[in-house]
N, C-alpha and C. Protein backbone atom coordinates (compact mmCIF):
# COMPACT_ATOMS: atom_id res chain seq x y z
N UNK A 1 4.56 -93.29 56.37
CA UNK A 1 4.24 -92.31 55.36
C UNK A 1 4.80 -92.76 54.00
N UNK A 2 3.98 -92.63 52.94
CA UNK A 2 4.40 -93.03 51.62
C UNK A 2 5.41 -92.03 51.07
N UNK A 3 6.50 -92.55 50.51
CA UNK A 3 7.52 -91.68 49.92
C UNK A 3 6.96 -91.04 48.65
N UNK A 4 7.44 -89.84 48.29
CA UNK A 4 6.90 -89.13 47.13
C UNK A 4 6.94 -89.94 45.84
N UNK A 5 8.03 -90.66 45.58
CA UNK A 5 8.15 -91.44 44.35
C UNK A 5 7.06 -92.50 44.29
N UNK A 6 6.78 -93.15 45.42
CA UNK A 6 5.74 -94.18 45.45
C UNK A 6 4.35 -93.56 45.30
N UNK A 7 4.18 -92.36 45.87
CA UNK A 7 2.89 -91.69 45.73
C UNK A 7 2.61 -91.34 44.27
N UNK A 8 3.63 -90.88 43.57
CA UNK A 8 3.45 -90.55 42.15
C UNK A 8 3.12 -91.81 41.36
N UNK A 9 3.83 -92.88 41.59
CA UNK A 9 3.54 -94.15 40.92
C UNK A 9 2.12 -94.60 41.23
N UNK A 10 1.71 -94.44 42.48
CA UNK A 10 0.36 -94.82 42.89
C UNK A 10 -0.68 -94.03 42.10
N UNK A 11 -0.49 -92.72 41.98
CA UNK A 11 -1.44 -91.87 41.26
C UNK A 11 -1.41 -92.10 39.75
N UNK A 12 -0.27 -92.52 39.23
CA UNK A 12 -0.15 -92.79 37.80
C UNK A 12 -0.75 -94.13 37.42
N UNK A 13 -0.44 -95.19 38.22
CA UNK A 13 -0.74 -96.54 37.76
C UNK A 13 -1.54 -97.42 38.72
N UNK A 14 -1.38 -97.24 40.02
CA UNK A 14 -2.04 -98.15 40.96
C UNK A 14 -3.50 -97.79 41.14
N UNK A 15 -3.76 -96.56 41.51
CA UNK A 15 -5.13 -96.06 41.64
C UNK A 15 -5.17 -94.68 40.98
N UNK A 16 -5.14 -94.66 39.64
CA UNK A 16 -5.01 -93.39 38.92
C UNK A 16 -6.16 -92.44 39.20
N UNK A 17 -5.77 -91.16 39.41
CA UNK A 17 -6.77 -90.11 39.57
C UNK A 17 -6.10 -88.77 39.31
N UNK A 18 -6.92 -87.79 39.00
CA UNK A 18 -6.42 -86.44 38.76
C UNK A 18 -5.53 -86.35 37.53
N UNK A 19 -4.78 -85.25 37.42
CA UNK A 19 -3.91 -85.05 36.24
C UNK A 19 -2.88 -86.17 36.06
N UNK A 20 -2.30 -86.65 37.16
CA UNK A 20 -1.34 -87.75 37.03
C UNK A 20 -2.03 -89.02 36.54
N UNK A 21 -3.25 -89.26 36.98
CA UNK A 21 -4.00 -90.42 36.52
C UNK A 21 -4.29 -90.36 35.03
N UNK A 22 -4.62 -89.16 34.54
CA UNK A 22 -4.87 -89.00 33.11
C UNK A 22 -3.59 -89.25 32.31
N UNK A 23 -2.47 -88.76 32.84
CA UNK A 23 -1.18 -89.04 32.20
C UNK A 23 -0.90 -90.54 32.22
N UNK A 24 -1.15 -91.17 33.36
CA UNK A 24 -0.96 -92.62 33.47
C UNK A 24 -1.80 -93.38 32.47
N UNK A 25 -3.03 -92.94 32.24
CA UNK A 25 -3.91 -93.60 31.26
C UNK A 25 -3.31 -93.53 29.87
N UNK A 26 -2.75 -92.37 29.51
CA UNK A 26 -2.13 -92.25 28.18
C UNK A 26 -0.91 -93.16 28.07
N UNK A 27 -0.11 -93.22 29.14
CA UNK A 27 1.08 -94.08 29.13
C UNK A 27 0.65 -95.54 29.01
N UNK A 28 -0.34 -95.95 29.82
CA UNK A 28 -0.80 -97.34 29.78
C UNK A 28 -1.39 -97.70 28.42
N UNK A 29 -2.18 -96.78 27.84
CA UNK A 29 -2.82 -97.06 26.55
C UNK A 29 -1.77 -97.34 25.48
N UNK A 30 -0.68 -96.63 25.56
CA UNK A 30 0.36 -96.82 24.55
C UNK A 30 1.27 -98.00 24.90
N UNK A 31 1.76 -98.05 26.12
CA UNK A 31 2.76 -99.07 26.49
C UNK A 31 2.17 -100.47 26.61
N UNK A 32 0.94 -100.59 27.11
CA UNK A 32 0.36 -101.91 27.35
C UNK A 32 -0.49 -102.43 26.20
N UNK A 33 -0.78 -101.59 25.21
CA UNK A 33 -1.69 -101.99 24.14
C UNK A 33 -1.27 -103.27 23.42
N UNK A 34 -0.01 -103.45 23.03
CA UNK A 34 0.33 -104.67 22.29
C UNK A 34 0.08 -105.95 23.09
N UNK A 35 0.47 -105.98 24.36
CA UNK A 35 0.28 -107.21 25.13
C UNK A 35 -1.20 -107.41 25.47
N UNK A 36 -1.95 -106.33 25.67
CA UNK A 36 -3.38 -106.48 25.95
C UNK A 36 -4.10 -107.04 24.73
N UNK A 37 -3.70 -106.61 23.55
CA UNK A 37 -4.30 -107.18 22.33
C UNK A 37 -3.91 -108.64 22.15
N UNK A 38 -2.68 -108.97 22.54
CA UNK A 38 -2.25 -110.38 22.48
C UNK A 38 -3.06 -111.23 23.45
N UNK A 39 -3.32 -110.73 24.65
CA UNK A 39 -4.16 -111.44 25.61
C UNK A 39 -5.57 -111.64 25.05
N UNK A 40 -6.12 -110.61 24.44
CA UNK A 40 -7.46 -110.70 23.86
C UNK A 40 -7.50 -111.76 22.76
N UNK A 41 -6.46 -111.79 21.94
CA UNK A 41 -6.39 -112.79 20.88
C UNK A 41 -6.32 -114.19 21.48
N UNK A 42 -5.48 -114.36 22.50
CA UNK A 42 -5.30 -115.67 23.13
C UNK A 42 -6.55 -116.12 23.88
N UNK A 43 -7.41 -115.19 24.27
CA UNK A 43 -8.62 -115.53 25.02
C UNK A 43 -9.66 -116.23 24.15
N UNK A 44 -9.61 -116.02 22.86
CA UNK A 44 -10.57 -116.66 21.93
C UNK A 44 -12.00 -116.44 22.37
N UNK A 45 -12.34 -115.23 22.78
CA UNK A 45 -13.71 -114.94 23.22
C UNK A 45 -14.63 -114.92 22.01
N UNK A 46 -15.72 -115.70 22.11
CA UNK A 46 -16.66 -115.80 21.00
C UNK A 46 -17.93 -115.02 21.25
N UNK A 47 -18.83 -115.05 20.29
CA UNK A 47 -20.07 -114.28 20.34
C UNK A 47 -21.00 -114.68 21.47
N UNK A 48 -20.79 -115.86 22.05
CA UNK A 48 -21.63 -116.29 23.17
C UNK A 48 -20.96 -116.09 24.52
N UNK A 49 -19.74 -115.55 24.53
CA UNK A 49 -18.95 -115.48 25.77
C UNK A 49 -19.16 -114.19 26.55
N UNK A 50 -19.11 -114.37 27.87
CA UNK A 50 -19.05 -113.25 28.80
C UNK A 50 -17.62 -113.16 29.30
N UNK A 51 -17.03 -111.97 29.19
CA UNK A 51 -15.63 -111.76 29.56
C UNK A 51 -15.57 -110.77 30.73
N UNK A 52 -14.78 -111.11 31.73
CA UNK A 52 -14.51 -110.22 32.85
C UNK A 52 -13.09 -109.69 32.71
N UNK A 53 -12.95 -108.37 32.68
CA UNK A 53 -11.63 -107.75 32.57
C UNK A 53 -11.30 -107.14 33.92
N UNK A 54 -10.23 -107.63 34.53
CA UNK A 54 -9.77 -107.14 35.83
C UNK A 54 -8.77 -106.03 35.57
N UNK A 55 -9.06 -104.82 36.07
CA UNK A 55 -8.14 -103.69 35.90
C UNK A 55 -7.96 -103.31 34.44
N UNK A 56 -9.03 -102.88 33.76
CA UNK A 56 -8.91 -102.58 32.33
C UNK A 56 -8.07 -101.37 32.00
N UNK A 57 -7.71 -100.56 33.01
CA UNK A 57 -6.94 -99.36 32.71
C UNK A 57 -7.72 -98.50 31.74
N UNK A 58 -7.07 -98.00 30.69
CA UNK A 58 -7.78 -97.15 29.74
C UNK A 58 -8.64 -97.92 28.74
N UNK A 59 -8.72 -99.24 28.87
CA UNK A 59 -9.70 -100.01 28.10
C UNK A 59 -9.25 -100.60 26.78
N UNK A 60 -7.97 -100.60 26.48
CA UNK A 60 -7.49 -101.13 25.20
C UNK A 60 -7.81 -102.62 25.09
N UNK A 61 -7.47 -103.39 26.12
CA UNK A 61 -7.75 -104.83 26.09
C UNK A 61 -9.23 -105.12 26.12
N UNK A 62 -9.98 -104.35 26.92
CA UNK A 62 -11.43 -104.54 26.98
C UNK A 62 -12.06 -104.30 25.62
N UNK A 63 -11.60 -103.29 24.90
CA UNK A 63 -12.13 -103.00 23.57
C UNK A 63 -11.79 -104.12 22.59
N UNK A 64 -10.59 -104.66 22.68
CA UNK A 64 -10.21 -105.78 21.80
C UNK A 64 -11.09 -106.99 22.07
N UNK A 65 -11.37 -107.26 23.33
CA UNK A 65 -12.25 -108.38 23.68
C UNK A 65 -13.69 -108.12 23.25
N UNK A 66 -14.12 -106.87 23.35
CA UNK A 66 -15.50 -106.51 23.01
C UNK A 66 -15.79 -106.63 21.52
N UNK A 67 -14.77 -106.73 20.71
CA UNK A 67 -15.00 -106.90 19.28
C UNK A 67 -15.59 -108.27 18.96
N UNK A 68 -15.38 -109.25 19.85
CA UNK A 68 -15.89 -110.60 19.56
C UNK A 68 -16.82 -111.15 20.63
N UNK A 69 -16.72 -110.67 21.87
CA UNK A 69 -17.53 -111.22 22.97
C UNK A 69 -18.97 -110.68 22.92
N UNK A 70 -19.86 -111.40 23.60
CA UNK A 70 -21.26 -110.97 23.72
C UNK A 70 -21.42 -109.94 24.82
N UNK A 71 -20.64 -110.14 25.92
CA UNK A 71 -20.80 -109.30 27.10
C UNK A 71 -19.42 -109.07 27.71
N UNK A 72 -19.13 -107.82 28.07
CA UNK A 72 -17.87 -107.47 28.72
C UNK A 72 -18.18 -106.80 30.04
N UNK A 73 -17.60 -107.35 31.10
CA UNK A 73 -17.68 -106.76 32.44
C UNK A 73 -16.27 -106.29 32.78
N UNK A 74 -16.13 -105.04 33.15
CA UNK A 74 -14.82 -104.52 33.52
C UNK A 74 -14.89 -104.00 34.95
N UNK A 75 -13.92 -104.41 35.77
CA UNK A 75 -13.85 -103.94 37.15
C UNK A 75 -12.50 -103.29 37.39
N UNK A 76 -12.52 -102.15 38.05
CA UNK A 76 -11.30 -101.41 38.34
C UNK A 76 -11.56 -100.58 39.60
N UNK A 77 -10.58 -100.44 40.49
CA UNK A 77 -10.80 -99.59 41.66
C UNK A 77 -10.77 -98.10 41.34
N UNK A 78 -10.34 -97.74 40.12
CA UNK A 78 -10.22 -96.33 39.75
C UNK A 78 -11.40 -95.87 38.90
N UNK A 79 -12.22 -94.94 39.40
CA UNK A 79 -13.30 -94.40 38.57
C UNK A 79 -12.79 -93.77 37.27
N UNK A 80 -11.61 -93.15 37.32
CA UNK A 80 -11.02 -92.55 36.13
C UNK A 80 -10.79 -93.60 35.05
N UNK A 81 -10.23 -94.74 35.42
CA UNK A 81 -9.97 -95.80 34.44
C UNK A 81 -11.27 -96.37 33.90
N UNK A 82 -12.29 -96.48 34.75
CA UNK A 82 -13.58 -96.97 34.27
C UNK A 82 -14.19 -96.01 33.25
N UNK A 83 -14.02 -94.71 33.46
CA UNK A 83 -14.52 -93.73 32.48
C UNK A 83 -13.79 -93.89 31.15
N UNK A 84 -12.46 -94.06 31.20
CA UNK A 84 -11.68 -94.26 29.97
C UNK A 84 -12.15 -95.53 29.25
N UNK A 85 -12.33 -96.59 30.01
CA UNK A 85 -12.79 -97.85 29.41
C UNK A 85 -14.17 -97.68 28.79
N UNK A 86 -15.07 -97.04 29.51
CA UNK A 86 -16.42 -96.83 28.99
C UNK A 86 -16.43 -96.05 27.70
N UNK A 87 -15.63 -94.99 27.62
CA UNK A 87 -15.57 -94.20 26.39
C UNK A 87 -15.02 -95.03 25.23
N UNK A 88 -13.99 -95.82 25.51
CA UNK A 88 -13.39 -96.64 24.45
C UNK A 88 -14.40 -97.68 23.95
N UNK A 89 -15.16 -98.28 24.85
CA UNK A 89 -16.14 -99.29 24.45
C UNK A 89 -17.31 -98.65 23.70
N UNK A 90 -17.70 -97.44 24.09
CA UNK A 90 -18.79 -96.75 23.37
C UNK A 90 -18.43 -96.51 21.91
N UNK A 91 -17.17 -96.28 21.63
CA UNK A 91 -16.74 -96.00 20.26
C UNK A 91 -16.89 -97.22 19.34
N UNK A 92 -17.04 -98.42 19.92
CA UNK A 92 -17.20 -99.63 19.10
C UNK A 92 -18.56 -99.64 18.40
N UNK A 93 -19.56 -99.04 19.03
CA UNK A 93 -20.91 -98.94 18.47
C UNK A 93 -21.49 -100.30 18.08
N UNK A 94 -21.29 -101.28 18.93
CA UNK A 94 -21.88 -102.60 18.70
C UNK A 94 -23.19 -102.67 19.47
N UNK A 95 -24.29 -102.77 18.78
CA UNK A 95 -25.59 -102.80 19.45
C UNK A 95 -25.86 -104.12 20.14
N UNK A 96 -25.17 -105.19 19.73
CA UNK A 96 -25.39 -106.51 20.34
C UNK A 96 -24.44 -106.78 21.50
N UNK A 97 -23.66 -105.79 21.92
CA UNK A 97 -22.69 -105.95 23.01
C UNK A 97 -23.27 -105.41 24.31
N UNK A 98 -23.21 -106.22 25.35
CA UNK A 98 -23.59 -105.77 26.69
C UNK A 98 -22.32 -105.39 27.45
N UNK A 99 -22.31 -104.21 28.05
CA UNK A 99 -21.14 -103.72 28.78
C UNK A 99 -21.56 -103.36 30.20
N UNK A 100 -20.77 -103.81 31.17
CA UNK A 100 -20.98 -103.45 32.57
C UNK A 100 -19.64 -103.01 33.15
N UNK A 101 -19.63 -101.88 33.83
CA UNK A 101 -18.43 -101.35 34.45
C UNK A 101 -18.69 -101.17 35.94
N UNK A 102 -17.78 -101.73 36.76
CA UNK A 102 -17.96 -101.66 38.21
C UNK A 102 -16.67 -101.20 38.88
N UNK A 103 -16.84 -100.38 39.90
CA UNK A 103 -15.69 -100.03 40.74
C UNK A 103 -15.52 -101.19 41.72
N UNK A 104 -14.50 -101.98 41.49
CA UNK A 104 -14.27 -103.19 42.28
C UNK A 104 -12.81 -103.60 42.12
N UNK A 105 -12.45 -104.69 42.80
CA UNK A 105 -11.07 -105.16 42.77
C UNK A 105 -11.02 -106.61 42.30
N UNK A 106 -9.81 -107.09 42.07
CA UNK A 106 -9.62 -108.48 41.66
C UNK A 106 -10.15 -109.45 42.71
N UNK A 107 -10.03 -109.09 43.98
CA UNK A 107 -10.45 -109.99 45.06
C UNK A 107 -11.93 -109.87 45.39
N UNK A 108 -12.56 -108.79 44.96
CA UNK A 108 -13.99 -108.55 45.25
C UNK A 108 -14.63 -107.93 44.01
N UNK A 109 -14.97 -108.76 43.03
CA UNK A 109 -15.49 -108.25 41.75
C UNK A 109 -16.97 -107.90 41.82
N UNK A 110 -17.73 -108.54 42.69
CA UNK A 110 -19.16 -108.34 42.73
C UNK A 110 -19.90 -109.07 41.62
N UNK A 111 -19.20 -109.91 40.87
CA UNK A 111 -19.78 -110.65 39.76
C UNK A 111 -20.33 -111.98 40.29
N UNK A 112 -21.45 -112.43 39.75
CA UNK A 112 -22.10 -113.66 40.20
C UNK A 112 -21.21 -114.89 39.97
N UNK A 113 -21.31 -115.84 40.86
CA UNK A 113 -20.54 -117.09 40.75
C UNK A 113 -20.91 -117.84 39.48
N UNK A 114 -19.89 -118.37 38.80
CA UNK A 114 -20.12 -119.19 37.62
C UNK A 114 -20.78 -118.49 36.46
N UNK A 115 -20.57 -117.18 36.33
CA UNK A 115 -21.27 -116.41 35.30
C UNK A 115 -20.38 -115.93 34.16
N UNK A 116 -19.09 -116.27 34.20
CA UNK A 116 -18.12 -115.71 33.25
C UNK A 116 -17.42 -116.85 32.51
N UNK A 117 -17.18 -116.65 31.21
CA UNK A 117 -16.47 -117.64 30.40
C UNK A 117 -14.97 -117.40 30.38
N UNK A 118 -14.57 -116.14 30.40
CA UNK A 118 -13.15 -115.78 30.30
C UNK A 118 -12.87 -114.63 31.26
N UNK A 119 -11.75 -114.74 32.00
CA UNK A 119 -11.24 -113.64 32.82
C UNK A 119 -9.89 -113.22 32.25
N UNK A 120 -9.71 -111.91 32.07
CA UNK A 120 -8.45 -111.38 31.54
C UNK A 120 -7.96 -110.28 32.46
N UNK A 121 -6.67 -110.33 32.78
CA UNK A 121 -6.03 -109.28 33.58
C UNK A 121 -4.71 -108.93 32.91
N UNK A 122 -4.66 -107.75 32.31
CA UNK A 122 -3.47 -107.34 31.59
C UNK A 122 -2.61 -106.37 32.36
N UNK A 123 -1.42 -106.80 32.69
CA UNK A 123 -0.38 -105.96 33.26
C UNK A 123 -0.73 -105.36 34.61
N UNK A 124 -1.53 -106.06 35.44
CA UNK A 124 -1.81 -105.49 36.76
C UNK A 124 -1.81 -106.50 37.90
N UNK A 125 -1.55 -107.76 37.63
CA UNK A 125 -1.58 -108.76 38.69
C UNK A 125 -0.58 -108.44 39.80
N UNK A 126 0.52 -107.78 39.45
CA UNK A 126 1.54 -107.45 40.46
C UNK A 126 1.08 -106.33 41.38
N UNK A 127 -0.05 -105.67 41.05
CA UNK A 127 -0.60 -104.62 41.89
C UNK A 127 -1.70 -105.12 42.82
N UNK A 128 -2.14 -106.37 42.64
CA UNK A 128 -3.20 -106.88 43.50
C UNK A 128 -2.68 -106.98 44.93
N UNK A 129 -3.36 -106.41 45.92
CA UNK A 129 -2.89 -106.48 47.31
C UNK A 129 -2.86 -107.91 47.85
N UNK A 130 -3.76 -108.78 47.37
CA UNK A 130 -3.84 -110.16 47.87
C UNK A 130 -4.11 -111.07 46.67
N UNK A 131 -3.03 -111.59 46.07
CA UNK A 131 -3.19 -112.41 44.86
C UNK A 131 -3.95 -113.70 45.14
N UNK A 132 -3.75 -114.31 46.30
CA UNK A 132 -4.48 -115.54 46.61
C UNK A 132 -5.98 -115.28 46.59
N UNK A 133 -6.40 -114.18 47.19
CA UNK A 133 -7.83 -113.82 47.18
C UNK A 133 -8.29 -113.49 45.77
N UNK A 134 -7.43 -112.83 44.98
CA UNK A 134 -7.77 -112.50 43.60
C UNK A 134 -7.98 -113.74 42.76
N UNK A 135 -7.05 -114.71 42.85
CA UNK A 135 -7.20 -115.94 42.06
C UNK A 135 -8.41 -116.75 42.53
N UNK A 136 -8.66 -116.77 43.83
CA UNK A 136 -9.85 -117.47 44.34
C UNK A 136 -11.12 -116.83 43.79
N UNK A 137 -11.14 -115.52 43.70
CA UNK A 137 -12.31 -114.81 43.15
C UNK A 137 -12.48 -115.12 41.67
N UNK A 138 -11.39 -115.16 40.91
CA UNK A 138 -11.50 -115.47 39.49
C UNK A 138 -12.04 -116.89 39.29
N UNK A 139 -11.58 -117.82 40.10
CA UNK A 139 -12.09 -119.19 40.02
C UNK A 139 -13.59 -119.22 40.33
N UNK A 140 -14.01 -118.45 41.32
CA UNK A 140 -15.42 -118.42 41.72
C UNK A 140 -16.32 -117.92 40.61
N UNK A 141 -15.91 -116.87 39.91
CA UNK A 141 -16.80 -116.27 38.91
C UNK A 141 -16.81 -117.03 37.59
N UNK A 142 -15.79 -117.85 37.34
CA UNK A 142 -15.73 -118.60 36.08
C UNK A 142 -16.69 -119.78 36.08
N UNK A 143 -17.25 -120.05 34.92
CA UNK A 143 -18.03 -121.27 34.72
C UNK A 143 -17.06 -122.45 34.65
N UNK A 144 -17.52 -123.66 34.93
CA UNK A 144 -16.64 -124.83 34.74
C UNK A 144 -16.09 -124.85 33.30
N UNK A 145 -14.79 -125.03 33.20
CA UNK A 145 -14.13 -125.00 31.90
C UNK A 145 -13.74 -123.61 31.45
N UNK A 146 -14.10 -122.58 32.24
CA UNK A 146 -13.76 -121.20 31.89
C UNK A 146 -12.27 -120.95 31.95
N UNK A 147 -11.81 -119.93 31.22
CA UNK A 147 -10.39 -119.65 31.07
C UNK A 147 -10.01 -118.34 31.75
N UNK A 148 -8.81 -118.32 32.30
CA UNK A 148 -8.24 -117.10 32.87
C UNK A 148 -6.92 -116.82 32.17
N UNK A 149 -6.70 -115.57 31.77
CA UNK A 149 -5.44 -115.15 31.18
C UNK A 149 -4.93 -113.93 31.92
N UNK A 150 -3.66 -113.96 32.28
CA UNK A 150 -3.04 -112.91 33.08
C UNK A 150 -1.69 -112.57 32.46
N UNK A 151 -1.33 -111.30 32.46
CA UNK A 151 0.00 -110.92 31.98
C UNK A 151 0.67 -109.95 32.94
N UNK A 152 1.98 -109.92 32.86
CA UNK A 152 2.77 -108.93 33.58
C UNK A 152 4.10 -108.76 32.89
N UNK A 153 4.62 -107.55 32.94
CA UNK A 153 5.98 -107.34 32.43
C UNK A 153 6.94 -108.15 33.28
N UNK A 154 7.92 -108.76 32.65
CA UNK A 154 8.87 -109.59 33.39
C UNK A 154 9.67 -108.77 34.39
N UNK A 155 9.99 -107.52 34.05
CA UNK A 155 10.78 -106.71 34.97
C UNK A 155 9.97 -106.28 36.20
N UNK A 156 8.64 -106.32 36.13
CA UNK A 156 7.81 -106.01 37.28
C UNK A 156 7.64 -107.22 38.19
N UNK A 157 7.69 -108.41 37.61
CA UNK A 157 7.47 -109.61 38.42
C UNK A 157 8.71 -110.04 39.19
N UNK A 158 9.86 -109.93 38.55
CA UNK A 158 11.09 -110.37 39.22
C UNK A 158 11.02 -111.83 39.61
N UNK A 159 11.36 -112.13 40.86
CA UNK A 159 11.39 -113.50 41.35
C UNK A 159 10.00 -114.12 41.46
N UNK A 160 8.96 -113.31 41.42
CA UNK A 160 7.60 -113.82 41.59
C UNK A 160 7.06 -114.50 40.35
N UNK A 161 7.78 -114.42 39.25
CA UNK A 161 7.32 -115.04 38.01
C UNK A 161 7.03 -116.52 38.20
N UNK A 162 7.90 -117.22 38.90
CA UNK A 162 7.71 -118.65 39.12
C UNK A 162 6.63 -118.94 40.15
N UNK A 163 6.30 -117.96 40.98
CA UNK A 163 5.29 -118.17 42.02
C UNK A 163 3.87 -118.14 41.45
N UNK A 164 3.64 -117.37 40.40
CA UNK A 164 2.27 -117.21 39.90
C UNK A 164 1.62 -118.52 39.46
N UNK A 165 2.29 -119.38 38.69
CA UNK A 165 1.63 -120.65 38.33
C UNK A 165 1.27 -121.49 39.56
N UNK A 166 2.13 -121.48 40.58
CA UNK A 166 1.83 -122.22 41.81
C UNK A 166 0.62 -121.63 42.52
N UNK A 167 0.55 -120.29 42.54
CA UNK A 167 -0.59 -119.63 43.18
C UNK A 167 -1.89 -119.94 42.44
N UNK A 168 -1.83 -120.00 41.12
CA UNK A 168 -3.02 -120.34 40.33
C UNK A 168 -3.48 -121.77 40.63
N UNK A 169 -2.53 -122.70 40.65
CA UNK A 169 -2.88 -124.09 40.97
C UNK A 169 -3.42 -124.21 42.39
N UNK A 170 -2.81 -123.47 43.33
CA UNK A 170 -3.28 -123.51 44.72
C UNK A 170 -4.72 -123.02 44.83
N UNK A 171 -5.10 -122.08 43.96
CA UNK A 171 -6.48 -121.56 43.97
C UNK A 171 -7.47 -122.55 43.37
N UNK A 172 -6.95 -123.55 42.63
CA UNK A 172 -7.82 -124.56 42.03
C UNK A 172 -7.80 -124.60 40.52
N UNK A 173 -6.99 -123.76 39.88
CA UNK A 173 -6.91 -123.77 38.42
C UNK A 173 -6.10 -124.97 37.93
N UNK A 174 -6.40 -125.40 36.71
CA UNK A 174 -5.68 -126.51 36.08
C UNK A 174 -5.17 -126.04 34.72
N UNK A 175 -4.38 -126.89 34.07
CA UNK A 175 -3.83 -126.60 32.74
C UNK A 175 -3.14 -125.24 32.70
N UNK A 176 -2.34 -124.94 33.70
CA UNK A 176 -1.64 -123.66 33.76
C UNK A 176 -0.51 -123.66 32.74
N UNK A 177 -0.51 -122.64 31.89
CA UNK A 177 0.52 -122.51 30.86
C UNK A 177 1.18 -121.14 31.00
N UNK A 178 2.44 -121.06 30.62
CA UNK A 178 3.20 -119.82 30.69
C UNK A 178 3.96 -119.63 29.39
N UNK A 179 3.97 -118.41 28.87
CA UNK A 179 4.81 -118.10 27.73
C UNK A 179 5.19 -116.63 27.79
N UNK A 180 6.24 -116.27 27.10
CA UNK A 180 6.67 -114.88 27.08
C UNK A 180 6.30 -114.26 25.73
N UNK A 181 6.16 -112.96 25.77
CA UNK A 181 5.75 -112.23 24.57
C UNK A 181 6.50 -110.91 24.57
N UNK A 182 7.09 -110.58 23.44
CA UNK A 182 7.93 -109.38 23.33
C UNK A 182 7.26 -108.34 22.44
N UNK A 183 7.31 -107.09 22.91
CA UNK A 183 6.86 -105.95 22.11
C UNK A 183 7.94 -104.89 22.24
N UNK A 184 8.75 -104.73 21.19
CA UNK A 184 9.89 -103.82 21.27
C UNK A 184 10.86 -104.32 22.31
N UNK A 185 11.22 -103.46 23.26
CA UNK A 185 12.15 -103.85 24.33
C UNK A 185 11.43 -104.43 25.54
N UNK A 186 10.10 -104.39 25.54
CA UNK A 186 9.33 -104.88 26.68
C UNK A 186 9.02 -106.35 26.51
N UNK A 187 9.34 -107.14 27.53
CA UNK A 187 9.00 -108.56 27.53
C UNK A 187 7.97 -108.79 28.62
N UNK A 188 6.89 -109.42 28.25
CA UNK A 188 5.83 -109.76 29.20
C UNK A 188 5.72 -111.27 29.32
N UNK A 189 5.31 -111.70 30.49
CA UNK A 189 5.01 -113.12 30.67
C UNK A 189 3.49 -113.24 30.75
N UNK A 190 2.96 -114.22 30.02
CA UNK A 190 1.53 -114.45 29.96
C UNK A 190 1.24 -115.80 30.59
N UNK A 191 0.17 -115.86 31.34
CA UNK A 191 -0.25 -117.08 32.02
C UNK A 191 -1.68 -117.39 31.58
N UNK A 192 -1.94 -118.65 31.30
CA UNK A 192 -3.29 -119.09 30.98
C UNK A 192 -3.62 -120.27 31.88
N UNK A 193 -4.85 -120.35 32.34
CA UNK A 193 -5.28 -121.44 33.20
C UNK A 193 -6.76 -121.67 32.97
N UNK A 194 -7.26 -122.78 33.48
CA UNK A 194 -8.65 -123.15 33.27
C UNK A 194 -9.28 -123.60 34.58
N UNK A 195 -10.56 -123.26 34.77
CA UNK A 195 -11.31 -123.81 35.90
C UNK A 195 -11.75 -125.22 35.53
N UNK A 196 -11.51 -126.20 36.41
CA UNK A 196 -11.94 -127.57 36.07
C UNK A 196 -13.46 -127.69 35.98
């Protein structure tokens, strides 16, 4: 049986729903916005690029990417988060932007093989139930030469920080890079990799 504290965290951040999920969306939109915008900047998504956002949460990072990309696909297991993302993307009012939102996971995106230029996952890789399957899926959907960017707060990763680059390489990614990024008192670690 799940302990109450874990259940609350689950409803706030893991699979947000109901009143706690709406509260979690507000917290995520504020707390994660700086690093999600940094990920979007580092992604260098251009007008010809298709971007896949894994776990967009309330859509701050997806909206930042949608300002420059041609097409944004966002997948999240939470219908509530997909609604938040959809509303945020609608406010951009870009007629040349294609947007697709799917209820899916990092390991099972439902996106066609080799159809994406950039994959971005902001502050949720530590919630993936099977990271090996998630990284294998990201490699599958990327075009050759496509880029993947992932972030996580350092306090959430703990000892696993050093494991992520190895897991990315084991999945087949190359040119794995790591750097830290600070926003106020929060320090996040960002990972970038490329499909050969």
